[in-house]
Amino acid sequence: MQIKLLLILNFISQVEMANLMRSNGKIYVVVAVISIIFLGIIFFLIRIDSKIRKIEKRNEE
């Protein structure tokens, strides 16, 4: 019973935190930072893939 109550209280506090961040406009900053990090990782993986392809082609010859 206590665990369920703690889980419910934890969920409510997370929702309140999200509402607070939305009301302050900080949620957009969080979304922007996560998006930039995600795009950076994608760009990095694409560059690494192209470099690996070049090395593989060079080794085939």
Protein backbone atom coordinates (compact mmCIF):
# COMPACT_ATOMS: atom_id res chain seq x y z
CA MET A 1 0.00 0.00 0.00
CA GLN A 2 2.79 2.42 0.90
CA ILE A 3 4.65 1.67 -2.33
CA LYS A 4 1.56 2.48 -4.41
CA LEU A 5 1.11 5.74 -2.53
CA LEU A 6 4.76 6.66 -3.08
CA LEU A 7 4.48 5.89 -6.80
CA ILE A 8 1.36 8.03 -7.09
CA LEU A 9 2.99 10.91 -5.21
CA ASN A 10 6.10 10.61 -7.36
CA PHE A 11 4.00 10.73 -10.54
CA ILE A 12 2.08 13.77 -9.30
CA SER A 13 5.29 15.60 -8.44
CA GLN A 14 6.71 14.87 -11.90
CA VAL A 15 3.58 16.25 -13.53
CA GLU A 16 3.77 19.37 -11.37
CA MET A 17 7.43 19.82 -12.33
CA ALA A 18 6.54 19.51 -16.02
CA ASN A 19 3.73 22.04 -15.61
CA LEU A 20 6.09 24.41 -13.80
CA MET A 21 8.70 24.09 -16.57
CA ARG A 22 6.05 24.68 -19.22
CA SER A 23 4.74 27.75 -17.44
CA ASN A 24 8.26 29.20 -17.14
CA GLY A 25 9.09 28.35 -20.75
CA LYS A 26 12.05 26.24 -19.67
CA ILE A 27 10.61 23.10 -21.26
CA TYR A 28 11.47 24.59 -24.65
CA VAL A 29 15.08 25.00 -23.57
CA VAL A 30 15.19 21.37 -22.47
CA VAL A 31 13.66 20.21 -25.76
CA ALA A 32 16.11 22.38 -27.74
CA VAL A 33 19.15 21.03 -25.88
CA ILE A 34 18.02 17.42 -26.28
CA SER A 35 17.37 18.04 -29.99
CA ILE A 36 20.82 19.55 -30.50
CA ILE A 37 22.47 16.63 -28.73
CA PHE A 38 20.46 14.14 -30.79
CA LEU A 39 21.33 15.89 -34.07
CA GLY A 40 24.98 16.00 -33.06
CA ILE A 41 25.00 12.26 -32.43
CA ILE A 42 23.31 11.61 -35.80
CA PHE A 43 25.86 13.84 -37.59
CA PHE A 44 28.74 12.09 -35.80
CA LEU A 45 27.45 8.63 -36.77
CA ILE A 46 27.03 9.65 -40.42
CA ARG A 47 30.60 11.00 -40.54
CA ILE A 48 32.01 7.88 -38.92
CA ASP A 49 30.07 5.71 -41.38
CA SER A 50 31.45 7.59 -44.39
CA LYS A 51 35.00 7.35 -43.03
CA ILE A 52 34.62 3.61 -42.46
CA ARG A 53 33.32 3.16 -46.02
CA LYS A 54 36.39 4.99 -47.39
CA ILE A 55 38.72 2.78 -45.36
CA GLU A 56 36.89 -0.37 -46.48
CA LYS A 57 37.13 0.66 -50.15
CA ARG A 58 40.83 1.41 -49.75
CA ASN A 59 41.41 -2.01 -48.17
CA GLU A 60 39.54 -3.81 -50.99
CA GLU A 61 41.92 -2.39 -53.60
